[in-house]
Amino acid sequence: MFQGIKMPRDCGQKPKAKLRAGSAKLRTTNHKLITKKAKAWHQESSWQSLVLRTKNHKLITNRAVSPLLSWVILVGIAVVLGTFFFNWARSYTADVSKDITEKGDRASCDYMGMYVKGLCQNTQALYMNITNNNDLRIESFSFRLYDVHKNAEAKDRNITLIPGETGSLSIVKQGVLSEFEIIPAFFSGGKRLVCEGRGVRITSIPFCS
């Protein structure tokens, strides 16, 4: 019955080709979708990994900075305490040395003495002879001059008198003096040291003839 009808050769192949094309297209679409999701997942994983690494880095950095800051604070405290102790020790040593020197200088005043003779005055000057009558050399004198109204004037004169030596002094002044004080002094360590306890006060000053 059908022997006279000829079927085309590709009649059964076209549906198969379309099916294969559709399947290939579906696979391509699925591949693209999977690739897109994989990329998205990879990007998300990379971002999460980056955030995690950043947090870990900050944590490690903070842990590393904390001991360093502690060391800096400890060193600063040590420097402050060391400076304070050094200044205190230096001040204490200087005070002790000064105290020893002053005690020695005050003890030296016990070996200083003098007496005054040949004393007279006029309205312009005061004249006297001073003798060193003790064991320590006198190197300077301090004067306190008082006029008849009890007004005071201070003067210093540098003159060296060895033990047993007598020297002449004239002090320039104005008016008439009612009394005066003379105090011996010496030099020690570059300082002028006045022996207040070894001074002489004279309340009667005659006029020069």
N, C-alpha and C. Protein backbone atom coordinates (compact mmCIF):
# COMPACT_ATOMS: atom_id res chain seq x y z
N MET A 1 0.82 -1.20 0.00
CA MET A 1 0.00 0.00 0.00
C MET A 1 0.84 1.23 0.00
N PHE A 2 1.90 1.25 0.83
CA PHE A 2 2.75 2.44 0.96
C PHE A 2 4.01 2.29 0.15
N GLN A 3 4.08 1.32 -0.60
CA GLN A 3 5.31 1.09 -1.35
C GLN A 3 5.55 2.17 -2.37
N GLY A 4 4.51 2.80 -2.84
CA GLY A 4 4.73 3.82 -3.86
C GLY A 4 5.11 5.16 -3.29
N ILE A 5 5.05 5.31 -1.91
CA ILE A 5 5.37 6.61 -1.24
C ILE A 5 6.79 6.55 -0.72
N LYS A 6 7.57 7.55 -1.04
CA LYS A 6 8.96 7.63 -0.56
C LYS A 6 9.05 8.67 0.54
N MET A 7 9.60 8.26 1.66
CA MET A 7 9.79 9.17 2.81
C MET A 7 11.11 9.93 2.64
N PRO A 8 11.07 11.23 2.99
CA PRO A 8 12.35 12.00 2.92
C PRO A 8 13.36 11.41 3.88
N ARG A 9 14.60 11.52 3.53
CA ARG A 9 15.67 10.93 4.35
C ARG A 9 15.79 11.63 5.72
N ASP A 10 15.60 12.94 5.75
CA ASP A 10 15.81 13.68 7.01
C ASP A 10 14.53 13.89 7.75
N CYS A 11 13.47 13.19 7.37
CA CYS A 11 12.20 13.41 8.04
C CYS A 11 12.29 13.06 9.51
N GLY A 12 12.95 12.00 9.88
CA GLY A 12 13.08 11.62 11.29
C GLY A 12 14.23 12.27 11.99
N GLN A 13 15.08 12.93 11.28
CA GLN A 13 16.27 13.54 11.89
C GLN A 13 16.02 14.94 12.40
N LYS A 14 15.06 15.70 11.80
CA LYS A 14 14.85 17.10 12.22
C LYS A 14 14.39 17.20 13.65
N PRO A 15 13.40 16.43 14.11
CA PRO A 15 13.02 16.54 15.52
C PRO A 15 14.18 16.21 16.43
N LYS A 16 14.96 15.17 16.05
CA LYS A 16 16.12 14.84 16.90
C LYS A 16 17.11 15.98 16.95
N ALA A 17 17.32 16.65 15.81
CA ALA A 17 18.26 17.79 15.79
C ALA A 17 17.75 18.93 16.65
N LYS A 18 16.44 19.19 16.55
CA LYS A 18 15.86 20.26 17.37
C LYS A 18 15.97 19.92 18.84
N LEU A 19 15.74 18.64 19.16
CA LEU A 19 15.84 18.22 20.55
C LEU A 19 17.26 18.39 21.07
N ARG A 20 18.23 17.97 20.21
CA ARG A 20 19.63 18.13 20.64
C ARG A 20 19.99 19.60 20.79
N ALA A 21 19.49 20.46 19.87
CA ALA A 21 19.78 21.91 19.95
C ALA A 21 19.18 22.49 21.22
N GLY A 22 17.92 22.06 21.52
CA GLY A 22 17.28 22.57 22.76
C GLY A 22 18.03 22.13 23.98
N SER A 23 18.46 20.86 23.97
CA SER A 23 19.22 20.34 25.11
C SER A 23 20.54 21.08 25.27
N ALA A 24 21.21 21.36 24.11
CA ALA A 24 22.48 22.10 24.19
C ALA A 24 22.27 23.50 24.72
N LYS A 25 21.14 24.12 24.25
CA LYS A 25 20.84 25.48 24.72
C LYS A 25 20.54 25.49 26.21
N LEU A 26 19.80 24.45 26.66
CA LEU A 26 19.49 24.36 28.09
C LEU A 26 20.76 24.17 28.91
N ARG A 27 21.64 23.27 28.36
CA ARG A 27 22.91 23.07 29.08
C ARG A 27 23.71 24.36 29.15
N THR A 28 23.71 25.11 28.04
CA THR A 28 24.44 26.39 28.02
C THR A 28 23.87 27.36 29.05
N THR A 29 22.52 27.41 29.05
CA THR A 29 21.86 28.31 30.02
C THR A 29 22.18 27.89 31.44
N ASN A 30 22.08 26.59 31.72
CA ASN A 30 22.39 26.10 33.06
C ASN A 30 23.86 26.37 33.43
N HIS A 31 24.74 26.20 32.45
CA HIS A 31 26.16 26.46 32.70
C HIS A 31 26.40 27.92 33.05
N LYS A 32 25.72 28.81 32.25
CA LYS A 32 25.88 30.23 32.55
C LYS A 32 25.34 30.56 33.93
N LEU A 33 24.17 29.97 34.26
CA LEU A 33 23.58 30.23 35.56
C LEU A 33 24.47 29.73 36.68
N ILE A 34 24.98 28.50 36.47
CA ILE A 34 25.89 27.94 37.49
C ILE A 34 27.16 28.78 37.61
N THR A 35 27.67 29.19 36.44
CA THR A 35 28.89 30.02 36.46
C THR A 35 28.64 31.35 37.18
N LYS A 36 27.46 31.95 36.91
CA LYS A 36 27.12 33.22 37.54
C LYS A 36 27.00 33.06 39.05
N LYS A 37 26.30 31.97 39.44
CA LYS A 37 26.17 31.71 40.88
C LYS A 37 27.52 31.43 41.51
N ALA A 38 28.35 30.70 40.78
CA ALA A 38 29.69 30.39 41.31
C ALA A 38 30.51 31.66 41.49
N LYS A 39 30.41 32.55 40.49
CA LYS A 39 31.13 33.82 40.60
C LYS A 39 30.62 34.62 41.79
N ALA A 40 29.25 34.68 41.90
CA ALA A 40 28.67 35.43 43.01
C ALA A 40 29.11 34.83 44.35
N TRP A 41 29.07 33.48 44.43
CA TRP A 41 29.50 32.83 45.67
C TRP A 41 30.98 33.08 45.96
N HIS A 42 31.76 33.02 44.87
CA HIS A 42 33.19 33.28 45.03
C HIS A 42 33.46 34.70 45.50
N GLN A 43 32.73 35.66 44.90
CA GLN A 43 32.91 37.06 45.32
C GLN A 43 32.49 37.25 46.77
N GLU A 44 31.34 36.62 47.12
CA GLU A 44 30.87 36.75 48.50
C GLU A 44 31.87 36.11 49.47
N SER A 45 32.38 34.92 49.06
CA SER A 45 33.36 34.25 49.91
C SER A 45 34.63 35.08 50.04
N SER A 46 35.05 35.68 48.91
CA SER A 46 36.25 36.51 48.94
C SER A 46 36.06 37.72 49.85
N TRP A 47 34.86 38.32 49.76
CA TRP A 47 34.58 39.50 50.61
C TRP A 47 34.55 39.11 52.09
N GLN A 48 33.87 37.97 52.38
CA GLN A 48 33.86 37.52 53.76
C GLN A 48 35.26 37.18 54.25
N SER A 49 36.03 36.56 53.39
CA SER A 49 37.41 36.23 53.77
C SER A 49 38.22 37.50 54.02
N LEU A 50 37.99 38.52 53.16
CA LEU A 50 38.70 39.78 53.33
C LEU A 50 38.32 40.45 54.64
N VAL A 51 37.00 40.45 54.94
CA VAL A 51 36.53 41.05 56.20
C VAL A 51 37.13 40.31 57.39
N LEU A 52 37.13 38.96 57.29
CA LEU A 52 37.68 38.16 58.37
C LEU A 52 39.17 38.42 58.56
N ARG A 53 39.90 38.50 57.43
CA ARG A 53 41.34 38.79 57.53
C ARG A 53 41.58 40.18 58.11
N THR A 54 40.73 41.14 57.72
CA THR A 54 40.88 42.50 58.25
C THR A 54 40.66 42.52 59.76
N LYS A 55 39.59 41.80 60.20
CA LYS A 55 39.33 41.74 61.63
C LYS A 55 40.47 41.07 62.38
N ASN A 56 40.96 39.96 61.80
CA ASN A 56 42.08 39.27 62.43
C ASN A 56 43.32 40.15 62.48
N HIS A 57 43.54 40.91 61.40
CA HIS A 57 44.70 41.80 61.35
C HIS A 57 44.60 42.90 62.42
N LYS A 58 43.37 43.45 62.55
CA LYS A 58 43.18 44.47 63.58
C LYS A 58 43.39 43.90 64.96
N LEU A 59 42.86 42.68 65.17
CA LEU A 59 43.03 42.04 66.47
C LEU A 59 44.49 41.77 66.78
N ILE A 60 45.20 41.25 65.78
CA ILE A 60 46.63 40.98 65.97
C ILE A 60 47.39 42.29 66.20
N THR A 61 47.03 43.33 65.42
CA THR A 61 47.70 44.63 65.56
C THR A 61 47.46 45.21 66.95
N ASN A 62 46.19 45.11 67.42
CA ASN A 62 45.88 45.63 68.76
C ASN A 62 46.64 44.86 69.83
N ARG A 63 46.72 43.52 69.63
CA ARG A 63 47.48 42.73 70.61
C ARG A 63 48.96 43.09 70.59
N ALA A 64 49.46 43.43 69.41
CA ALA A 64 50.88 43.79 69.30
C ALA A 64 51.14 45.18 69.85
N VAL A 65 50.17 46.10 69.64
CA VAL A 65 50.36 47.48 70.11
C VAL A 65 50.25 47.56 71.62
N SER A 66 49.39 46.74 72.21
CA SER A 66 49.17 46.80 73.66
C SER A 66 50.45 46.56 74.45
N PRO A 67 51.24 45.51 74.21
CA PRO A 67 52.52 45.36 74.93
C PRO A 67 53.49 46.49 74.65
N LEU A 68 53.52 46.98 73.41
CA LEU A 68 54.42 48.08 73.08
C LEU A 68 54.05 49.33 73.86
N LEU A 69 52.75 49.62 73.95
CA LEU A 69 52.31 50.78 74.72
C LEU A 69 52.65 50.61 76.18
N SER A 70 52.53 49.41 76.69
CA SER A 70 52.88 49.14 78.10
C SER A 70 54.36 49.41 78.34
N TRP A 71 55.20 48.95 77.41
CA TRP A 71 56.64 49.19 77.55
C TRP A 71 56.95 50.68 77.51
N VAL A 72 56.29 51.40 76.61
CA VAL A 72 56.52 52.85 76.51
C VAL A 72 56.16 53.54 77.83
N ILE A 73 55.00 53.15 78.41
CA ILE A 73 54.58 53.75 79.67
C ILE A 73 55.56 53.43 80.79
N LEU A 74 56.01 52.17 80.84
CA LEU A 74 56.97 51.77 81.88
C LEU A 74 58.28 52.53 81.75
N VAL A 75 58.76 52.66 80.51
CA VAL A 75 60.01 53.40 80.29
C VAL A 75 59.84 54.86 80.70
N GLY A 76 58.68 55.45 80.35
CA GLY A 76 58.43 56.85 80.73
C GLY A 76 58.42 57.03 82.24
N ILE A 77 57.75 56.10 82.94
CA ILE A 77 57.72 56.18 84.41
C ILE A 77 59.12 56.03 84.99
N ALA A 78 59.91 55.12 84.43
CA ALA A 78 61.27 54.91 84.91
C ALA A 78 62.13 56.15 84.71
N VAL A 79 61.97 56.81 83.56
CA VAL A 79 62.74 58.03 83.29
C VAL A 79 62.36 59.13 84.26
N VAL A 80 61.05 59.30 84.51
CA VAL A 80 60.60 60.34 85.43
C VAL A 80 61.13 60.09 86.84
N LEU A 81 60.99 58.82 87.30
CA LEU A 81 61.48 58.49 88.64
C LEU A 81 63.00 58.65 88.74
N GLY A 82 63.71 58.24 87.69
CA GLY A 82 65.17 58.39 87.70
C GLY A 82 65.59 59.84 87.75
N THR A 83 64.91 60.68 86.97
CA THR A 83 65.23 62.11 86.99
C THR A 83 64.95 62.73 88.35
N PHE A 84 63.80 62.36 88.94
CA PHE A 84 63.45 62.88 90.27
C PHE A 84 64.49 62.46 91.31
N PHE A 85 64.85 61.18 91.30
CA PHE A 85 65.82 60.69 92.28
C PHE A 85 67.19 61.35 92.09
N PHE A 86 67.59 61.51 90.81
CA PHE A 86 68.90 62.14 90.55
C PHE A 86 68.93 63.58 91.07
N ASN A 87 67.85 64.33 90.78
CA ASN A 87 67.80 65.73 91.24
C ASN A 87 67.76 65.79 92.77
N TRP A 88 67.01 64.87 93.37
CA TRP A 88 66.96 64.86 94.84
C TRP A 88 68.32 64.53 95.43
N ALA A 89 68.99 63.53 94.88
CA ALA A 89 70.31 63.14 95.39
C ALA A 89 71.32 64.27 95.22
N ARG A 90 71.27 64.94 94.05
CA ARG A 90 72.20 66.04 93.83
C ARG A 90 71.94 67.19 94.79
N SER A 91 70.63 67.51 95.00
CA SER A 91 70.28 68.58 95.93
C SER A 91 70.69 68.22 97.35
N TYR A 92 70.45 66.96 97.73
CA TYR A 92 70.82 66.53 99.08
C TYR A 92 72.32 66.60 99.28
N THR A 93 73.08 66.13 98.29
CA THR A 93 74.54 66.18 98.39
C THR A 93 75.05 67.61 98.49
N ALA A 94 74.44 68.50 97.67
CA ALA A 94 74.85 69.91 97.71
C ALA A 94 74.54 70.53 99.07
N ASP A 95 73.36 70.20 99.63
CA ASP A 95 73.00 70.75 100.94
C ASP A 95 73.93 70.24 102.04
N VAL A 96 74.25 68.95 101.98
CA VAL A 96 75.15 68.40 102.99
C VAL A 96 76.53 69.03 102.88
N SER A 97 77.01 69.17 101.63
CA SER A 97 78.33 69.78 101.42
C SER A 97 78.34 71.23 101.89
N LYS A 98 77.24 71.95 101.57
CA LYS A 98 77.16 73.35 101.99
C LYS A 98 77.12 73.45 103.51
N ASP A 99 76.36 72.54 104.15
CA ASP A 99 76.27 72.57 105.61
C ASP A 99 77.62 72.28 106.25
N ILE A 100 78.35 71.30 105.69
CA ILE A 100 79.68 70.99 106.23
C ILE A 100 80.62 72.18 106.06
N THR A 101 80.55 72.81 104.87
CA THR A 101 81.41 73.98 104.62
C THR A 101 81.09 75.12 105.57
N GLU A 102 79.78 75.39 105.76
CA GLU A 102 79.39 76.49 106.63
C GLU A 102 79.79 76.22 108.08
N LYS A 103 79.65 74.95 108.50
CA LYS A 103 80.08 74.63 109.87
C LYS A 103 81.58 74.83 110.02
N GLY A 104 82.33 74.40 109.00
CA GLY A 104 83.78 74.62 109.04
C GLY A 104 84.14 76.09 109.03
N ASP A 105 83.40 76.88 108.24
CA ASP A 105 83.67 78.32 108.18
C ASP A 105 83.33 78.99 109.50
N ARG A 106 82.21 78.59 110.12
CA ARG A 106 81.87 79.17 111.42
C ARG A 106 82.90 78.79 112.47
N ALA A 107 83.41 77.58 112.37
CA ALA A 107 84.45 77.18 113.31
C ALA A 107 85.72 78.00 113.10
N SER A 108 85.98 78.37 111.82
CA SER A 108 87.16 79.19 111.54
C SER A 108 87.08 80.55 112.19
N CYS A 109 85.86 81.08 112.35
CA CYS A 109 85.69 82.39 112.97
C CYS A 109 86.17 82.41 114.42
N ASP A 110 86.19 81.23 115.06
CA ASP A 110 86.66 81.18 116.45
C ASP A 110 88.14 81.53 116.55
N TYR A 111 88.85 81.43 115.41
CA TYR A 111 90.29 81.72 115.42
C TYR A 111 90.58 83.11 114.85
N MET A 112 89.57 83.95 114.82
CA MET A 112 89.75 85.30 114.29
C MET A 112 89.50 86.32 115.40
N GLY A 113 90.36 87.33 115.49
CA GLY A 113 90.20 88.38 116.53
C GLY A 113 90.99 89.63 116.16
N MET A 114 90.63 90.74 116.81
CA MET A 114 91.30 92.02 116.52
C MET A 114 91.03 93.00 117.66
N TYR A 115 91.82 94.04 117.69
CA TYR A 115 91.50 95.19 118.56
C TYR A 115 91.84 96.45 117.80
N VAL A 116 91.14 97.54 118.19
CA VAL A 116 91.23 98.82 117.48
C VAL A 116 91.87 99.85 118.41
N LYS A 117 92.80 100.62 117.86
CA LYS A 117 93.43 101.71 118.60
C LYS A 117 93.71 102.86 117.62
N GLY A 118 94.14 104.02 118.18
CA GLY A 118 94.45 105.18 117.32
C GLY A 118 93.21 105.67 116.60
N LEU A 119 92.06 105.66 117.29
CA LEU A 119 90.80 105.98 116.65
C LEU A 119 90.48 107.46 116.78
N CYS A 120 90.04 108.09 115.63
CA CYS A 120 89.55 109.45 115.66
C CYS A 120 88.75 109.74 114.39
N GLN A 121 88.01 110.87 114.37
CA GLN A 121 87.19 111.22 113.22
C GLN A 121 87.19 112.73 113.00
N ASN A 122 86.86 113.10 111.77
CA ASN A 122 86.48 114.48 111.45
C ASN A 122 85.19 114.38 110.64
N THR A 123 84.77 115.42 110.02
CA THR A 123 83.49 115.39 109.31
C THR A 123 83.58 114.68 107.96
N GLN A 124 84.79 114.35 107.50
CA GLN A 124 84.94 113.68 106.19
C GLN A 124 85.38 112.23 106.29
N ALA A 125 86.04 111.83 107.40
CA ALA A 125 86.61 110.48 107.44
C ALA A 125 86.73 109.99 108.87
N LEU A 126 86.87 108.66 108.96
CA LEU A 126 87.10 107.97 110.22
C LEU A 126 88.44 107.26 110.10
N TYR A 127 89.33 107.42 111.11
CA TYR A 127 90.68 106.85 111.05
C TYR A 127 90.86 105.89 112.22
N MET A 128 91.66 104.82 111.97
CA MET A 128 91.92 103.85 113.02
C MET A 128 93.10 102.97 112.65
N ASN A 129 93.65 102.32 113.66
CA ASN A 129 94.65 101.26 113.49
C ASN A 129 94.05 99.95 114.03
N ILE A 130 94.18 98.89 113.23
CA ILE A 130 93.60 97.60 113.61
C ILE A 130 94.71 96.57 113.68
N THR A 131 94.70 95.78 114.77
CA THR A 131 95.68 94.72 114.95
C THR A 131 94.98 93.36 114.96
N ASN A 132 95.51 92.43 114.18
CA ASN A 132 95.02 91.06 114.19
C ASN A 132 95.68 90.34 115.36
N ASN A 133 94.89 90.01 116.38
CA ASN A 133 95.45 89.41 117.59
C ASN A 133 95.01 87.96 117.78
N ASN A 134 94.71 87.26 116.69
CA ASN A 134 94.35 85.85 116.80
C ASN A 134 95.11 85.05 115.73
N ASP A 135 94.70 83.81 115.49
CA ASP A 135 95.47 82.88 114.66
C ASP A 135 95.06 82.83 113.19
N LEU A 136 93.92 83.40 112.81
CA LEU A 136 93.44 83.32 111.44
C LEU A 136 93.64 84.66 110.73
N ARG A 137 94.05 84.59 109.49
CA ARG A 137 94.28 85.80 108.71
C ARG A 137 92.96 86.50 108.42
N ILE A 138 92.95 87.83 108.63
CA ILE A 138 91.79 88.66 108.29
C ILE A 138 92.01 89.22 106.88
N GLU A 139 91.01 89.10 106.04
CA GLU A 139 91.14 89.54 104.65
C GLU A 139 90.20 90.67 104.27
N SER A 140 89.25 91.01 105.14
CA SER A 140 88.29 92.05 104.81
C SER A 140 87.61 92.52 106.10
N PHE A 141 86.99 93.71 106.02
CA PHE A 141 86.24 94.25 107.15
C PHE A 141 84.91 94.80 106.64
N SER A 142 83.89 94.64 107.48
CA SER A 142 82.59 95.26 107.24
C SER A 142 82.36 96.31 108.32
N PHE A 143 81.91 97.49 107.89
CA PHE A 143 81.65 98.59 108.81
C PHE A 143 80.16 98.95 108.79
N ARG A 144 79.63 99.27 109.98
CA ARG A 144 78.30 99.86 110.10
C ARG A 144 78.48 101.17 110.86
N LEU A 145 78.21 102.25 110.17
CA LEU A 145 78.43 103.59 110.72
C LEU A 145 77.08 104.20 111.12
N TYR A 146 77.01 104.77 112.34
CA TYR A 146 75.78 105.39 112.84
C TYR A 146 76.06 106.86 113.16
N ASP A 147 75.23 107.74 112.56
CA ASP A 147 75.40 109.15 112.86
C ASP A 147 74.66 109.50 114.16
N VAL A 148 74.64 110.77 114.51
CA VAL A 148 74.03 111.18 115.78
C VAL A 148 72.52 110.97 115.78
N HIS A 149 71.92 110.80 114.59
CA HIS A 149 70.48 110.54 114.51
C HIS A 149 70.19 109.03 114.37
N LYS A 150 71.19 108.20 114.57
CA LYS A 150 71.09 106.75 114.51
C LYS A 150 70.80 106.23 113.09
N ASN A 151 71.10 107.04 112.08
CA ASN A 151 71.01 106.58 110.70
C ASN A 151 72.22 105.72 110.40
N ALA A 152 72.02 104.55 109.78
CA ALA A 152 73.10 103.59 109.55
C ALA A 152 73.58 103.63 108.10
N GLU A 153 74.89 103.41 107.94
CA GLU A 153 75.50 103.29 106.61
C GLU A 153 76.49 102.13 106.64
N ALA A 154 76.44 101.27 105.64
CA ALA A 154 77.31 100.09 105.59
C ALA A 154 78.42 100.29 104.56
N LYS A 155 79.62 99.88 104.92
CA LYS A 155 80.77 99.96 104.03
C LYS A 155 81.64 98.73 104.22
N ASP A 156 82.33 98.31 103.16
CA ASP A 156 83.26 97.18 103.20
C ASP A 156 84.63 97.63 102.73
N ARG A 157 85.65 97.08 103.38
CA ARG A 157 87.03 97.35 102.96
C ARG A 157 87.81 96.06 102.95
N ASN A 158 88.50 95.77 101.82
CA ASN A 158 89.35 94.58 101.73
C ASN A 158 90.77 94.96 102.09
N ILE A 159 91.26 94.39 103.18
CA ILE A 159 92.64 94.58 103.62
C ILE A 159 93.06 93.32 104.36
N THR A 160 94.25 92.83 104.07
CA THR A 160 94.73 91.58 104.66
C THR A 160 95.65 91.87 105.83
N LEU A 161 95.32 91.22 106.97
CA LEU A 161 96.17 91.32 108.15
C LEU A 161 96.46 89.90 108.64
N ILE A 162 97.72 89.54 108.61
CA ILE A 162 98.11 88.24 109.14
C ILE A 162 98.15 88.31 110.66
N PRO A 163 98.14 87.18 111.35
CA PRO A 163 98.18 87.22 112.81
C PRO A 163 99.35 88.06 113.33
N GLY A 164 99.04 88.99 114.26
CA GLY A 164 100.05 89.87 114.86
C GLY A 164 100.30 91.15 114.08
N GLU A 165 99.73 91.31 112.88
CA GLU A 165 99.99 92.48 112.04
C GLU A 165 98.99 93.60 112.37
N THR A 166 99.47 94.86 112.25
CA THR A 166 98.64 96.04 112.45
C THR A 166 98.55 96.82 111.15
N GLY A 167 97.35 97.27 110.82
CA GLY A 167 97.15 98.05 109.61
C GLY A 167 96.35 99.31 109.89
N SER A 168 96.55 100.34 109.07
CA SER A 168 95.84 101.61 109.22
C SER A 168 94.70 101.69 108.20
N LEU A 169 93.55 102.17 108.65
CA LEU A 169 92.38 102.29 107.79
C LEU A 169 91.77 103.68 107.91
N SER A 170 91.24 104.17 106.79
CA SER A 170 90.47 105.41 106.80
C SER A 170 89.18 105.16 106.01
N ILE A 171 88.08 105.53 106.61
CA ILE A 171 86.76 105.31 106.02
C ILE A 171 86.15 106.67 105.70
N VAL A 172 85.82 106.88 104.44
CA VAL A 172 85.20 108.14 104.04
C VAL A 172 83.76 108.18 104.53
N LYS A 173 83.35 109.33 105.06
CA LYS A 173 81.99 109.47 105.57
C LYS A 173 81.59 110.93 105.45
N GLN A 174 80.38 111.22 105.95
CA GLN A 174 79.89 112.60 106.00
C GLN A 174 79.27 112.84 107.37
N GLY A 175 79.54 114.00 107.94
CA GLY A 175 78.98 114.33 109.25
C GLY A 175 79.74 113.68 110.39
N VAL A 176 79.06 113.66 111.54
CA VAL A 176 79.67 113.16 112.77
C VAL A 176 79.04 111.82 113.13
N LEU A 177 79.91 110.88 113.49
CA LEU A 177 79.43 109.56 113.92
C LEU A 177 79.31 109.52 115.43
N SER A 178 78.22 108.81 115.86
CA SER A 178 78.06 108.60 117.30
C SER A 178 78.66 107.25 117.72
N GLU A 179 78.65 106.30 116.80
CA GLU A 179 79.22 104.98 117.08
C GLU A 179 79.39 104.22 115.76
N PHE A 180 80.09 103.09 115.80
CA PHE A 180 80.23 102.23 114.61
C PHE A 180 80.59 100.82 115.04
N GLU A 181 80.39 99.90 114.11
CA GLU A 181 80.77 98.49 114.30
C GLU A 181 81.77 98.13 113.22
N ILE A 182 82.75 97.29 113.62
CA ILE A 182 83.70 96.75 112.66
C ILE A 182 83.73 95.23 112.82
N ILE A 183 83.58 94.51 111.70
CA ILE A 183 83.44 93.05 111.73
C ILE A 183 84.46 92.44 110.78
N PRO A 184 85.29 91.51 111.26
CA PRO A 184 86.29 90.89 110.39
C PRO A 184 85.64 89.86 109.44
N ALA A 185 86.31 89.62 108.32
CA ALA A 185 85.81 88.66 107.33
C ALA A 185 86.98 87.99 106.62
N PHE A 186 86.70 86.88 105.95
CA PHE A 186 87.72 86.20 105.15
C PHE A 186 87.02 85.55 103.95
N PHE A 187 87.80 85.03 103.03
CA PHE A 187 87.27 84.43 101.80
C PHE A 187 87.50 82.92 101.82
N SER A 188 86.45 82.18 101.41
CA SER A 188 86.56 80.72 101.35
C SER A 188 85.70 80.23 100.19
N GLY A 189 86.32 79.50 99.27
CA GLY A 189 85.57 78.97 98.12
C GLY A 189 84.99 80.05 97.24
N GLY A 190 85.67 81.18 97.16
CA GLY A 190 85.18 82.28 96.34
C GLY A 190 84.11 83.11 97.00
N LYS A 191 83.77 82.82 98.26
CA LYS A 191 82.75 83.57 98.98
C LYS A 191 83.38 84.39 100.10
N ARG A 192 82.78 85.53 100.35
CA ARG A 192 83.22 86.40 101.44
C ARG A 192 82.39 86.06 102.68
N LEU A 193 83.06 85.58 103.72
CA LEU A 193 82.40 85.13 104.93
C LEU A 193 82.69 86.10 106.07
N VAL A 194 81.61 86.63 106.63
CA VAL A 194 81.70 87.63 107.70
C VAL A 194 81.50 86.96 109.04
N CYS A 195 82.39 87.19 109.97
CA CYS A 195 82.31 86.60 111.31
C CYS A 195 81.62 87.60 112.25
N GLU A 196 80.29 87.53 112.26
CA GLU A 196 79.51 88.49 113.04
C GLU A 196 79.87 88.44 114.52
N GLY A 197 80.08 87.23 115.02
CA GLY A 197 80.35 87.10 116.45
C GLY A 197 81.71 87.61 116.88
N ARG A 198 82.57 87.99 115.96
CA ARG A 198 83.91 88.46 116.31
C ARG A 198 84.06 89.96 116.08
N GLY A 199 82.92 90.65 115.87
CA GLY A 199 82.97 92.09 115.62
C GLY A 199 83.18 92.91 116.89
N VAL A 200 83.49 94.17 116.69
CA VAL A 200 83.72 95.12 117.80
C VAL A 200 82.80 96.33 117.57
N ARG A 201 82.13 96.77 118.66
CA ARG A 201 81.28 97.95 118.61
C ARG A 201 81.91 99.05 119.47
N ILE A 202 82.10 100.21 118.86
CA ILE A 202 82.73 101.34 119.55
C ILE A 202 81.72 102.48 119.64
N THR A 203 81.47 102.95 120.87
CA THR A 203 80.44 103.96 121.09
C THR A 203 81.00 105.34 121.42
N SER A 204 82.30 105.44 121.45
CA SER A 204 82.92 106.75 121.75
C SER A 204 84.02 107.01 120.72
N ILE A 205 83.80 108.02 119.89
CA ILE A 205 84.75 108.31 118.80
C ILE A 205 85.25 109.76 118.96
N PRO A 206 86.47 109.92 119.38
CA PRO A 206 86.97 111.30 119.55
C PRO A 206 87.27 111.98 118.21
N PHE A 207 87.35 113.30 118.25
CA PHE A 207 87.74 114.06 117.05
C PHE A 207 89.24 114.10 116.95
N CYS A 208 89.71 114.05 115.71
CA CYS A 208 91.15 114.10 115.47
C CYS A 208 91.65 115.51 115.82
N SER A 209 92.80 115.57 116.47
CA SER A 209 93.39 116.86 116.84
C SER A 209 94.29 117.38 115.74
